[in-house]
Amino acid sequence: GAAFATIIGQAVSFIFSLFYLFRRKEEFGFDFEKSSFSLKGKYVKMI
C-alpha cells in the first residue's frame, strides 16, 4: 500500500508540473509542438 501511495503521488505531481509547463510554454521557451519532442543530435551529445 505504501508503494502504491508513493507512485500515485509521484504521478499526480508529474501531471500537474507538465500541465503548468504547457500553460506557460511561451514564458519558458518550449512550444510543445510534436516536432519538438525529438532527439537533436547536438544536444544529445551535450547532455
ModelCIF file with pLDDT and N, C-alpha, C, O atoms, coordinates in Angstrom:
data_MODEL
#
_entry.id   MODEL 
#
_entity.id                         1 
_entity.type                       polymer 
_entity.pdbx_number_of_molecules   1 
#
_entity_poly.entity_id                      1 
_entity_poly.type                           'polypeptide(L)' 
_entity_poly.nstd_linkage                   no 
_entity_poly.nstd_monomer                   no 
_entity_poly.pdbx_seq_one_letter_code       GAAFATIIGQAVSFIFSLFYLFRRKEEFGFDFEKSSFSLKGKYVKMI 
_entity_poly.pdbx_seq_one_letter_code_can   GAAFATIIGQAVSFIFSLFYLFRRKEEFGFDFEKSSFSLKGKYVKMI 
_entity_poly.pdbx_strand_id                 A 
#
loop_
_entity_poly_seq.entity_id 
_entity_poly_seq.num 
_entity_poly_seq.mon_id 
_entity_poly_seq.hetero 
1 1  GLY n 
1 2  ALA n 
1 3  ALA n 
1 4  PHE n 
1 5  ALA n 
1 6  THR n 
1 7  ILE n 
1 8  ILE n 
1 9  GLY n 
1 10 GLN n 
1 11 ALA n 
1 12 VAL n 
1 13 SER n 
1 14 PHE n 
1 15 ILE n 
1 16 PHE n 
1 17 SER n 
1 18 LEU n 
1 19 PHE n 
1 20 TYR n 
1 21 LEU n 
1 22 PHE n 
1 23 ARG n 
1 24 ARG n 
1 25 LYS n 
1 26 GLU n 
1 27 GLU n 
1 28 PHE n 
1 29 GLY n 
1 30 PHE n 
1 31 ASP n 
1 32 PHE n 
1 33 GLU n 
1 34 LYS n 
1 35 SER n 
1 36 SER n 
1 37 PHE n 
1 38 SER n 
1 39 LEU n 
1 40 LYS n 
1 41 GLY n 
1 42 LYS n 
1 43 TYR n 
1 44 VAL n 
1 45 LYS n 
1 46 MET n 
1 47 ILE n 
#
_struct_asym.id          A 
_struct_asym.entity_id   1 
#
loop_
_ma_qa_metric.id 
_ma_qa_metric.mode 
_ma_qa_metric.name 
_ma_qa_metric.software_group_id 
_ma_qa_metric.type 
1 global pLDDT . pLDDT 
2 local  pLDDT . pLDDT 
#
_ma_qa_metric_global.metric_id      1 
_ma_qa_metric_global.metric_value   86.38 
_ma_qa_metric_global.model_id       1 
_ma_qa_metric_global.ordinal_id     1 
#
loop_
_ma_qa_metric_local.label_asym_id 
_ma_qa_metric_local.label_comp_id 
_ma_qa_metric_local.label_seq_id 
_ma_qa_metric_local.metric_id 
_ma_qa_metric_local.metric_value 
_ma_qa_metric_local.model_id 
_ma_qa_metric_local.ordinal_id 
A GLY 1  2 91.00 1 1  
A ALA 2  2 89.00 1 2  
A ALA 3  2 91.00 1 3  
A PHE 4  2 93.00 1 4  
A ALA 5  2 91.00 1 5  
A THR 6  2 89.00 1 6  
A ILE 7  2 91.00 1 7  
A ILE 8  2 93.00 1 8  
A GLY 9  2 90.00 1 9  
A GLN 10 2 89.00 1 10 
A ALA 11 2 93.00 1 11 
A VAL 12 2 92.00 1 12 
A SER 13 2 89.00 1 13 
A PHE 14 2 91.00 1 14 
A ILE 15 2 91.00 1 15 
A PHE 16 2 89.00 1 16 
A SER 17 2 87.00 1 17 
A LEU 18 2 88.00 1 18 
A PHE 19 2 88.00 1 19 
A TYR 20 2 87.00 1 20 
A LEU 21 2 84.00 1 21 
A PHE 22 2 86.00 1 22 
A ARG 23 2 85.00 1 23 
A ARG 24 2 81.00 1 24 
A LYS 25 2 78.00 1 25 
A GLU 26 2 75.00 1 26 
A GLU 27 2 74.00 1 27 
A PHE 28 2 70.00 1 28 
A GLY 29 2 71.00 1 29 
A PHE 30 2 79.00 1 30 
A ASP 31 2 81.00 1 31 
A PHE 32 2 85.00 1 32 
A GLU 33 2 85.00 1 33 
A LYS 34 2 85.00 1 34 
A SER 35 2 83.00 1 35 
A SER 36 2 84.00 1 36 
A PHE 37 2 87.00 1 37 
A SER 38 2 87.00 1 38 
A LEU 39 2 88.00 1 39 
A LYS 40 2 88.00 1 40 
A GLY 41 2 87.00 1 41 
A LYS 42 2 88.00 1 42 
A TYR 43 2 89.00 1 43 
A VAL 44 2 91.00 1 44 
A LYS 45 2 90.00 1 45 
A MET 46 2 88.00 1 46 
A ILE 47 2 89.00 1 47 
#
loop_
_atom_site.group_PDB 
_atom_site.id 
_atom_site.type_symbol 
_atom_site.label_atom_id 
_atom_site.label_alt_id 
_atom_site.label_comp_id 
_atom_site.label_asym_id 
_atom_site.label_entity_id 
_atom_site.label_seq_id 
_atom_site.pdbx_PDB_ins_code 
_atom_site.Cartn_x 
_atom_site.Cartn_y 
_atom_site.Cartn_z 
_atom_site.occupancy 
_atom_site.B_iso_or_equiv 
_atom_site.pdbx_formal_charge 
_atom_site.auth_seq_id 
_atom_site.auth_comp_id 
_atom_site.auth_asym_id 
_atom_site.auth_atom_id 
_atom_site.pdbx_PDB_model_num 
ATOM 1   N N  . GLY A 1 1  ? 0.811  -1.210 0.000   1.00 91.00 ? 1  GLY A N  1 
ATOM 2   C CA . GLY A 1 1  ? 0.000  0.000  0.000   1.00 91.00 ? 1  GLY A CA 1 
ATOM 3   C C  . GLY A 1 1  ? 0.841  1.255  0.000   1.00 91.00 ? 1  GLY A C  1 
ATOM 4   O O  . GLY A 1 1  ? 0.519  2.230  -0.678  1.00 91.00 ? 1  GLY A O  1 
ATOM 5   N N  . ALA A 1 2  ? 1.937  1.230  0.773   1.00 89.00 ? 2  ALA A N  1 
ATOM 6   C CA . ALA A 1 2  ? 2.844  2.384  0.807   1.00 89.00 ? 2  ALA A CA 1 
ATOM 7   C C  . ALA A 1 2  ? 3.463  2.621  -0.560  1.00 89.00 ? 2  ALA A C  1 
ATOM 8   O O  . ALA A 1 2  ? 3.628  3.767  -0.978  1.00 89.00 ? 2  ALA A O  1 
ATOM 9   N N  . ALA A 1 3  ? 3.805  1.546  -1.256  1.00 91.00 ? 3  ALA A N  1 
ATOM 10  C CA . ALA A 1 3  ? 4.401  1.675  -2.585  1.00 91.00 ? 3  ALA A CA 1 
ATOM 11  C C  . ALA A 1 3  ? 3.411  2.279  -3.582  1.00 91.00 ? 3  ALA A C  1 
ATOM 12  O O  . ALA A 1 3  ? 3.765  3.168  -4.356  1.00 91.00 ? 3  ALA A O  1 
ATOM 13  N N  . PHE A 1 4  ? 2.163  1.788  -3.556  1.00 93.00 ? 4  PHE A N  1 
ATOM 14  C CA . PHE A 1 4  ? 1.153  2.349  -4.454  1.00 93.00 ? 4  PHE A CA 1 
ATOM 15  C C  . PHE A 1 4  ? 0.890  3.823  -4.140  1.00 93.00 ? 4  PHE A C  1 
ATOM 16  O O  . PHE A 1 4  ? 0.714  4.627  -5.057  1.00 93.00 ? 4  PHE A O  1 
ATOM 17  N N  . ALA A 1 5  ? 0.861  4.181  -2.872  1.00 91.00 ? 5  ALA A N  1 
ATOM 18  C CA . ALA A 1 5  ? 0.643  5.576  -2.480  1.00 91.00 ? 5  ALA A CA 1 
ATOM 19  C C  . ALA A 1 5  ? 1.768  6.461  -3.007  1.00 91.00 ? 5  ALA A C  1 
ATOM 20  O O  . ALA A 1 5  ? 1.524  7.576  -3.467  1.00 91.00 ? 5  ALA A O  1 
ATOM 21  N N  . THR A 1 6  ? 2.989  5.963  -2.938  1.00 89.00 ? 6  THR A N  1 
ATOM 22  C CA . THR A 1 6  ? 4.148  6.723  -3.413  1.00 89.00 ? 6  THR A CA 1 
ATOM 23  C C  . THR A 1 6  ? 4.063  6.976  -4.915  1.00 89.00 ? 6  THR A C  1 
ATOM 24  O O  . THR A 1 6  ? 4.240  8.107  -5.368  1.00 89.00 ? 6  THR A O  1 
ATOM 25  N N  . ILE A 1 7  ? 3.795  5.933  -5.678  1.00 91.00 ? 7  ILE A N  1 
ATOM 26  C CA . ILE A 1 7  ? 3.783  6.058  -7.132  1.00 91.00 ? 7  ILE A CA 1 
ATOM 27  C C  . ILE A 1 7  ? 2.618  6.930  -7.607  1.00 91.00 ? 7  ILE A C  1 
ATOM 28  O O  . ILE A 1 7  ? 2.785  7.738  -8.520  1.00 91.00 ? 7  ILE A O  1 
ATOM 29  N N  . ILE A 1 8  ? 1.458  6.776  -7.003  1.00 93.00 ? 8  ILE A N  1 
ATOM 30  C CA . ILE A 1 8  ? 0.311  7.601  -7.399  1.00 93.00 ? 8  ILE A CA 1 
ATOM 31  C C  . ILE A 1 8  ? 0.599  9.068  -7.100  1.00 93.00 ? 8  ILE A C  1 
ATOM 32  O O  . ILE A 1 8  ? 0.286  9.941  -7.910  1.00 93.00 ? 8  ILE A O  1 
ATOM 33  N N  . GLY A 1 9  ? 1.190  9.341  -5.947  1.00 90.00 ? 9  GLY A N  1 
ATOM 34  C CA . GLY A 1 9  ? 1.547  10.720 -5.607  1.00 90.00 ? 9  GLY A CA 1 
ATOM 35  C C  . GLY A 1 9  ? 2.536  11.308 -6.598  1.00 90.00 ? 9  GLY A C  1 
ATOM 36  O O  . GLY A 1 9  ? 2.407  12.468 -6.989  1.00 90.00 ? 9  GLY A O  1 
ATOM 37  N N  . GLN A 1 10 ? 3.526  10.517 -7.009  1.00 89.00 ? 10 GLN A N  1 
ATOM 38  C CA . GLN A 1 10 ? 4.514  10.990 -7.976  1.00 89.00 ? 10 GLN A CA 1 
ATOM 39  C C  . GLN A 1 10 ? 3.877  11.230 -9.341  1.00 89.00 ? 10 GLN A C  1 
ATOM 40  O O  . GLN A 1 10 ? 4.225  12.184 -10.036 1.00 89.00 ? 10 GLN A O  1 
ATOM 41  N N  . ALA A 1 11 ? 2.947  10.365 -9.718  1.00 93.00 ? 11 ALA A N  1 
ATOM 42  C CA . ALA A 1 11 ? 2.263  10.539 -10.999 1.00 93.00 ? 11 ALA A CA 1 
ATOM 43  C C  . ALA A 1 11 ? 1.449  11.826 -11.011 1.00 93.00 ? 11 ALA A C  1 
ATOM 44  O O  . ALA A 1 11 ? 1.457  12.557 -12.001 1.00 93.00 ? 11 ALA A O  1 
ATOM 45  N N  . VAL A 1 12 ? 0.747  12.107 -9.917  1.00 92.00 ? 12 VAL A N  1 
ATOM 46  C CA . VAL A 1 12 ? -0.037 13.344 -9.812  1.00 92.00 ? 12 VAL A CA 1 
ATOM 47  C C  . VAL A 1 12 ? 0.874  14.562 -9.912  1.00 92.00 ? 12 VAL A C  1 
ATOM 48  O O  . VAL A 1 12 ? 0.554  15.531 -10.600 1.00 92.00 ? 12 VAL A O  1 
ATOM 49  N N  . SER A 1 13 ? 2.013  14.507 -9.221  1.00 89.00 ? 13 SER A N  1 
ATOM 50  C CA . SER A 1 13 ? 2.962  15.616 -9.248  1.00 89.00 ? 13 SER A CA 1 
ATOM 51  C C  . SER A 1 13 ? 3.485  15.862 -10.656 1.00 89.00 ? 13 SER A C  1 
ATOM 52  O O  . SER A 1 13 ? 3.588  17.011 -11.087 1.00 89.00 ? 13 SER A O  1 
ATOM 53  N N  . PHE A 1 14 ? 3.817  14.788 -11.382 1.00 91.00 ? 14 PHE A N  1 
ATOM 54  C CA . PHE A 1 14 ? 4.331  14.922 -12.741 1.00 91.00 ? 14 PHE A CA 1 
ATOM 55  C C  . PHE A 1 14 ? 3.288  15.522 -13.676 1.00 91.00 ? 14 PHE A C  1 
ATOM 56  O O  . PHE A 1 14 ? 3.606  16.394 -14.485 1.00 91.00 ? 14 PHE A O  1 
ATOM 57  N N  . ILE A 1 15 ? 2.053  15.061 -13.569 1.00 91.00 ? 15 ILE A N  1 
ATOM 58  C CA . ILE A 1 15 ? 0.984  15.564 -14.433 1.00 91.00 ? 15 ILE A CA 1 
ATOM 59  C C  . ILE A 1 15 ? 0.741  17.051 -14.192 1.00 91.00 ? 15 ILE A C  1 
ATOM 60  O O  . ILE A 1 15 ? 0.595  17.818 -15.144 1.00 91.00 ? 15 ILE A O  1 
ATOM 61  N N  . PHE A 1 16 ? 0.697  17.457 -12.938 1.00 89.00 ? 16 PHE A N  1 
ATOM 62  C CA . PHE A 1 16 ? 0.498  18.870 -12.619 1.00 89.00 ? 16 PHE A CA 1 
ATOM 63  C C  . PHE A 1 16 ? 1.645  19.722 -13.158 1.00 89.00 ? 16 PHE A C  1 
ATOM 64  O O  . PHE A 1 16 ? 1.413  20.789 -13.726 1.00 89.00 ? 16 PHE A O  1 
ATOM 65  N N  . SER A 1 17 ? 2.886  19.251 -12.981 1.00 87.00 ? 17 SER A N  1 
ATOM 66  C CA . SER A 1 17 ? 4.048  20.035 -13.429 1.00 87.00 ? 17 SER A CA 1 
ATOM 67  C C  . SER A 1 17 ? 4.076  20.147 -14.952 1.00 87.00 ? 17 SER A C  1 
ATOM 68  O O  . SER A 1 17 ? 4.418  21.198 -15.494 1.00 87.00 ? 17 SER A O  1 
ATOM 69  N N  . LEU A 1 18 ? 3.717  19.066 -15.638 1.00 88.00 ? 18 LEU A N  1 
ATOM 70  C CA . LEU A 1 18 ? 3.705  19.084 -17.097 1.00 88.00 ? 18 LEU A CA 1 
ATOM 71  C C  . LEU A 1 18 ? 2.615  20.026 -17.616 1.00 88.00 ? 18 LEU A C  1 
ATOM 72  O O  . LEU A 1 18 ? 2.824  20.751 -18.589 1.00 88.00 ? 18 LEU A O  1 
ATOM 73  N N  . PHE A 1 19 ? 1.463  20.008 -16.965 1.00 88.00 ? 19 PHE A N  1 
ATOM 74  C CA . PHE A 1 19 ? 0.361  20.883 -17.363 1.00 88.00 ? 19 PHE A CA 1 
ATOM 75  C C  . PHE A 1 19 ? 0.737  22.353 -17.170 1.00 88.00 ? 19 PHE A C  1 
ATOM 76  O O  . PHE A 1 19 ? 0.409  23.201 -17.999 1.00 88.00 ? 19 PHE A O  1 
ATOM 77  N N  . TYR A 1 20 ? 1.430  22.644 -16.065 1.00 87.00 ? 20 TYR A N  1 
ATOM 78  C CA . TYR A 1 20 ? 1.855  24.024 -15.817 1.00 87.00 ? 20 TYR A CA 1 
ATOM 79  C C  . TYR A 1 20 ? 2.833  24.494 -16.891 1.00 87.00 ? 20 TYR A C  1 
ATOM 80  O O  . TYR A 1 20 ? 2.728  25.614 -17.391 1.00 87.00 ? 20 TYR A O  1 
ATOM 81  N N  . LEU A 1 21 ? 3.785  23.628 -17.240 1.00 84.00 ? 21 LEU A N  1 
ATOM 82  C CA . LEU A 1 21 ? 4.767  23.986 -18.257 1.00 84.00 ? 21 LEU A CA 1 
ATOM 83  C C  . LEU A 1 21 ? 4.086  24.244 -19.594 1.00 84.00 ? 21 LEU A C  1 
ATOM 84  O O  . LEU A 1 21 ? 4.484  25.138 -20.341 1.00 84.00 ? 21 LEU A O  1 
ATOM 85  N N  . PHE A 1 22 ? 3.051  23.451 -19.891 1.00 86.00 ? 22 PHE A N  1 
ATOM 86  C CA . PHE A 1 22 ? 2.305  23.635 -21.135 1.00 86.00 ? 22 PHE A CA 1 
ATOM 87  C C  . PHE A 1 22 ? 1.563  24.976 -21.132 1.00 86.00 ? 22 PHE A C  1 
ATOM 88  O O  . PHE A 1 22 ? 1.568  25.693 -22.133 1.00 86.00 ? 22 PHE A O  1 
ATOM 89  N N  . ARG A 1 23 ? 0.928  25.310 -20.007 1.00 85.00 ? 23 ARG A N  1 
ATOM 90  C CA . ARG A 1 23 ? 0.182  26.569 -19.916 1.00 85.00 ? 23 ARG A CA 1 
ATOM 91  C C  . ARG A 1 23 ? 1.093  27.783 -20.033 1.00 85.00 ? 23 ARG A C  1 
ATOM 92  O O  . ARG A 1 23 ? 0.654  28.835 -20.497 1.00 85.00 ? 23 ARG A O  1 
ATOM 93  N N  . ARG A 1 24 ? 2.353  27.658 -19.622 1.00 81.00 ? 24 ARG A N  1 
ATOM 94  C CA . ARG A 1 24 ? 3.305  28.776 -19.655 1.00 81.00 ? 24 ARG A CA 1 
ATOM 95  C C  . ARG A 1 24 ? 4.391  28.553 -20.705 1.00 81.00 ? 24 ARG A C  1 
ATOM 96  O O  . ARG A 1 24 ? 5.535  28.968 -20.519 1.00 81.00 ? 24 ARG A O  1 
ATOM 97  N N  . LYS A 1 25 ? 4.029  27.894 -21.811 1.00 78.00 ? 25 LYS A N  1 
ATOM 98  C CA . LYS A 1 25 ? 5.046  27.497 -22.777 1.00 78.00 ? 25 LYS A CA 1 
ATOM 99  C C  . LYS A 1 25 ? 5.754  28.681 -23.425 1.00 78.00 ? 25 LYS A C  1 
ATOM 100 O O  . LYS A 1 25 ? 6.941  28.591 -23.738 1.00 78.00 ? 25 LYS A O  1 
ATOM 101 N N  . GLU A 1 26 ? 5.044  29.789 -23.632 1.00 75.00 ? 26 GLU A N  1 
ATOM 102 C CA . GLU A 1 26 ? 5.700  30.967 -24.220 1.00 75.00 ? 26 GLU A CA 1 
ATOM 103 C C  . GLU A 1 26 ? 6.752  31.526 -23.269 1.00 75.00 ? 26 GLU A C  1 
ATOM 104 O O  . GLU A 1 26 ? 7.835  31.934 -23.690 1.00 75.00 ? 26 GLU A O  1 
ATOM 105 N N  . GLU A 1 27 ? 6.419  31.536 -21.985 1.00 74.00 ? 27 GLU A N  1 
ATOM 106 C CA . GLU A 1 27 ? 7.334  32.076 -20.986 1.00 74.00 ? 27 GLU A CA 1 
ATOM 107 C C  . GLU A 1 27 ? 8.599  31.241 -20.852 1.00 74.00 ? 27 GLU A C  1 
ATOM 108 O O  . GLU A 1 27 ? 9.691  31.777 -20.662 1.00 74.00 ? 27 GLU A O  1 
ATOM 109 N N  . PHE A 1 28 ? 8.444  29.913 -20.955 1.00 70.00 ? 28 PHE A N  1 
ATOM 110 C CA . PHE A 1 28 ? 9.592  29.036 -20.732 1.00 70.00 ? 28 PHE A CA 1 
ATOM 111 C C  . PHE A 1 28 ? 10.290 28.609 -22.019 1.00 70.00 ? 28 PHE A C  1 
ATOM 112 O O  . PHE A 1 28 ? 11.283 27.882 -21.971 1.00 70.00 ? 28 PHE A O  1 
ATOM 113 N N  . GLY A 1 29 ? 9.792  29.043 -23.152 1.00 71.00 ? 29 GLY A N  1 
ATOM 114 C CA . GLY A 1 29 ? 10.520 28.826 -24.386 1.00 71.00 ? 29 GLY A CA 1 
ATOM 115 C C  . GLY A 1 29 ? 10.403 27.445 -24.981 1.00 71.00 ? 29 GLY A C  1 
ATOM 116 O O  . GLY A 1 29 ? 11.284 27.024 -25.730 1.00 71.00 ? 29 GLY A O  1 
ATOM 117 N N  . PHE A 1 30 ? 9.326  26.716 -24.666 1.00 79.00 ? 30 PHE A N  1 
ATOM 118 C CA . PHE A 1 30 ? 9.110  25.409 -25.276 1.00 79.00 ? 30 PHE A CA 1 
ATOM 119 C C  . PHE A 1 30 ? 7.711  25.382 -25.870 1.00 79.00 ? 30 PHE A C  1 
ATOM 120 O O  . PHE A 1 30 ? 6.732  25.643 -25.170 1.00 79.00 ? 30 PHE A O  1 
ATOM 121 N N  . ASP A 1 31 ? 7.609  25.068 -27.163 1.00 81.00 ? 31 ASP A N  1 
ATOM 122 C CA . ASP A 1 31 ? 6.332  25.234 -27.863 1.00 81.00 ? 31 ASP A CA 1 
ATOM 123 C C  . ASP A 1 31 ? 5.405  24.017 -27.796 1.00 81.00 ? 31 ASP A C  1 
ATOM 124 O O  . ASP A 1 31 ? 4.241  24.115 -28.186 1.00 81.00 ? 31 ASP A O  1 
ATOM 125 N N  . PHE A 1 32 ? 5.895  22.875 -27.311 1.00 85.00 ? 32 PHE A N  1 
ATOM 126 C CA . PHE A 1 32 ? 5.105  21.648 -27.179 1.00 85.00 ? 32 PHE A CA 1 
ATOM 127 C C  . PHE A 1 32 ? 4.590  21.133 -28.527 1.00 85.00 ? 32 PHE A C  1 
ATOM 128 O O  . PHE A 1 32 ? 3.637  20.354 -28.567 1.00 85.00 ? 32 PHE A O  1 
ATOM 129 N N  . GLU A 1 33 ? 5.203  21.555 -29.611 1.00 85.00 ? 33 GLU A N  1 
ATOM 130 C CA . GLU A 1 33 ? 4.876  21.007 -30.922 1.00 85.00 ? 33 GLU A CA 1 
ATOM 131 C C  . GLU A 1 33 ? 5.419  19.571 -31.017 1.00 85.00 ? 33 GLU A C  1 
ATOM 132 O O  . GLU A 1 33 ? 6.438  19.241 -30.411 1.00 85.00 ? 33 GLU A O  1 
ATOM 133 N N  . LYS A 1 34 ? 4.719  18.728 -31.788 1.00 85.00 ? 34 LYS A N  1 
ATOM 134 C CA . LYS A 1 34 ? 5.124  17.330 -31.910 1.00 85.00 ? 34 LYS A CA 1 
ATOM 135 C C  . LYS A 1 34 ? 6.552  17.203 -32.411 1.00 85.00 ? 34 LYS A C  1 
ATOM 136 O O  . LYS A 1 34 ? 7.305  16.335 -31.969 1.00 85.00 ? 34 LYS A O  1 
ATOM 137 N N  . SER A 1 35 ? 6.916  18.083 -33.344 1.00 83.00 ? 35 SER A N  1 
ATOM 138 C CA . SER A 1 35 ? 8.265  18.019 -33.918 1.00 83.00 ? 35 SER A CA 1 
ATOM 139 C C  . SER A 1 35 ? 9.346  18.367 -32.904 1.00 83.00 ? 35 SER A C  1 
ATOM 140 O O  . SER A 1 35 ? 10.508 18.002 -33.080 1.00 83.00 ? 35 SER A O  1 
ATOM 141 N N  . SER A 1 36 ? 8.958  19.082 -31.828 1.00 84.00 ? 36 SER A N  1 
ATOM 142 C CA . SER A 1 36 ? 9.947  19.489 -30.822 1.00 84.00 ? 36 SER A CA 1 
ATOM 143 C C  . SER A 1 36 ? 10.318 18.335 -29.897 1.00 84.00 ? 36 SER A C  1 
ATOM 144 O O  . SER A 1 36 ? 11.380 18.348 -29.274 1.00 84.00 ? 36 SER A O  1 
ATOM 145 N N  . PHE A 1 37 ? 9.441  17.336 -29.811 1.00 87.00 ? 37 PHE A N  1 
ATOM 146 C CA . PHE A 1 37 ? 9.739  16.168 -28.981 1.00 87.00 ? 37 PHE A CA 1 
ATOM 147 C C  . PHE A 1 37 ? 10.577 15.191 -29.788 1.00 87.00 ? 37 PHE A C  1 
ATOM 148 O O  . PHE A 1 37 ? 10.086 14.167 -30.265 1.00 87.00 ? 37 PHE A O  1 
ATOM 149 N N  . SER A 1 38 ? 11.833 15.524 -29.927 1.00 87.00 ? 38 SER A N  1 
ATOM 150 C CA . SER A 1 38 ? 12.748 14.681 -30.699 1.00 87.00 ? 38 SER A CA 1 
ATOM 151 C C  . SER A 1 38 ? 14.156 14.850 -30.153 1.00 87.00 ? 38 SER A C  1 
ATOM 152 O O  . SER A 1 38 ? 14.471 15.818 -29.461 1.00 87.00 ? 38 SER A O  1 
ATOM 153 N N  . LEU A 1 39 ? 14.987 13.877 -30.487 1.00 88.00 ? 39 LEU A N  1 
ATOM 154 C CA . LEU A 1 39 ? 16.372 13.900 -30.024 1.00 88.00 ? 39 LEU A CA 1 
ATOM 155 C C  . LEU A 1 39 ? 17.230 14.651 -31.031 1.00 88.00 ? 39 LEU A C  1 
ATOM 156 O O  . LEU A 1 39 ? 17.520 14.137 -32.111 1.00 88.00 ? 39 LEU A O  1 
ATOM 157 N N  . LYS A 1 40 ? 17.635 15.861 -30.682 1.00 88.00 ? 40 LYS A N  1 
ATOM 158 C CA . LYS A 1 40 ? 18.542 16.645 -31.523 1.00 88.00 ? 40 LYS A CA 1 
ATOM 159 C C  . LYS A 1 40 ? 19.972 16.194 -31.228 1.00 88.00 ? 40 LYS A C  1 
ATOM 160 O O  . LYS A 1 40 ? 20.440 16.267 -30.091 1.00 88.00 ? 40 LYS A O  1 
ATOM 161 N N  . GLY A 1 41 ? 20.650 15.731 -32.267 1.00 87.00 ? 41 GLY A N  1 
ATOM 162 C CA . GLY A 1 41 ? 21.967 15.142 -32.094 1.00 87.00 ? 41 GLY A CA 1 
ATOM 163 C C  . GLY A 1 41 ? 22.938 16.005 -31.309 1.00 87.00 ? 41 GLY A C  1 
ATOM 164 O O  . GLY A 1 41 ? 23.665 15.511 -30.447 1.00 87.00 ? 41 GLY A O  1 
ATOM 165 N N  . LYS A 1 42 ? 22.946 17.290 -31.610 1.00 88.00 ? 42 LYS A N  1 
ATOM 166 C CA . LYS A 1 42 ? 23.874 18.206 -30.947 1.00 88.00 ? 42 LYS A CA 1 
ATOM 167 C C  . LYS A 1 42 ? 23.654 18.219 -29.437 1.00 88.00 ? 42 LYS A C  1 
ATOM 168 O O  . LYS A 1 42 ? 24.604 18.174 -28.655 1.00 88.00 ? 42 LYS A O  1 
ATOM 169 N N  . TYR A 1 43 ? 22.379 18.283 -29.043 1.00 89.00 ? 43 TYR A N  1 
ATOM 170 C CA . TYR A 1 43 ? 22.089 18.402 -27.610 1.00 89.00 ? 43 TYR A CA 1 
ATOM 171 C C  . TYR A 1 43 ? 22.097 17.050 -26.913 1.00 89.00 ? 43 TYR A C  1 
ATOM 172 O O  . TYR A 1 43 ? 22.312 16.977 -25.703 1.00 89.00 ? 43 TYR A O  1 
ATOM 173 N N  . VAL A 1 44 ? 21.865 15.981 -27.664 1.00 91.00 ? 44 VAL A N  1 
ATOM 174 C CA . VAL A 1 44 ? 22.052 14.655 -27.082 1.00 91.00 ? 44 VAL A CA 1 
ATOM 175 C C  . VAL A 1 44 ? 23.507 14.486 -26.667 1.00 91.00 ? 44 VAL A C  1 
ATOM 176 O O  . VAL A 1 44 ? 23.803 13.984 -25.582 1.00 91.00 ? 44 VAL A O  1 
ATOM 177 N N  . LYS A 1 45 ? 24.414 14.914 -27.550 1.00 90.00 ? 45 LYS A N  1 
ATOM 178 C CA . LYS A 1 45 ? 25.846 14.806 -27.238 1.00 90.00 ? 45 LYS A CA 1 
ATOM 179 C C  . LYS A 1 45 ? 26.210 15.667 -26.037 1.00 90.00 ? 45 LYS A C  1 
ATOM 180 O O  . LYS A 1 45 ? 26.994 15.244 -25.187 1.00 90.00 ? 45 LYS A O  1 
ATOM 181 N N  . MET A 1 46 ? 25.646 16.877 -25.958 1.00 88.00 ? 46 MET A N  1 
ATOM 182 C CA . MET A 1 46 ? 25.987 17.769 -24.853 1.00 88.00 ? 46 MET A CA 1 
ATOM 183 C C  . MET A 1 46 ? 25.396 17.262 -23.533 1.00 88.00 ? 46 MET A C  1 
ATOM 184 O O  . MET A 1 46 ? 26.059 17.289 -22.496 1.00 88.00 ? 46 MET A O  1 
ATOM 185 N N  . ILE A 1 47 ? 24.137 16.797 -23.586 1.00 89.00 ? 47 ILE A N  1 
ATOM 186 C CA . ILE A 1 47 ? 23.517 16.260 -22.371 1.00 89.00 ? 47 ILE A CA 1 
ATOM 187 C C  . ILE A 1 47 ? 24.239 14.996 -21.928 1.00 89.00 ? 47 ILE A C  1 
ATOM 188 O O  . ILE A 1 47 ? 23.866 14.393 -20.922 1.00 89.00 ? 47 ILE A O  1 
#
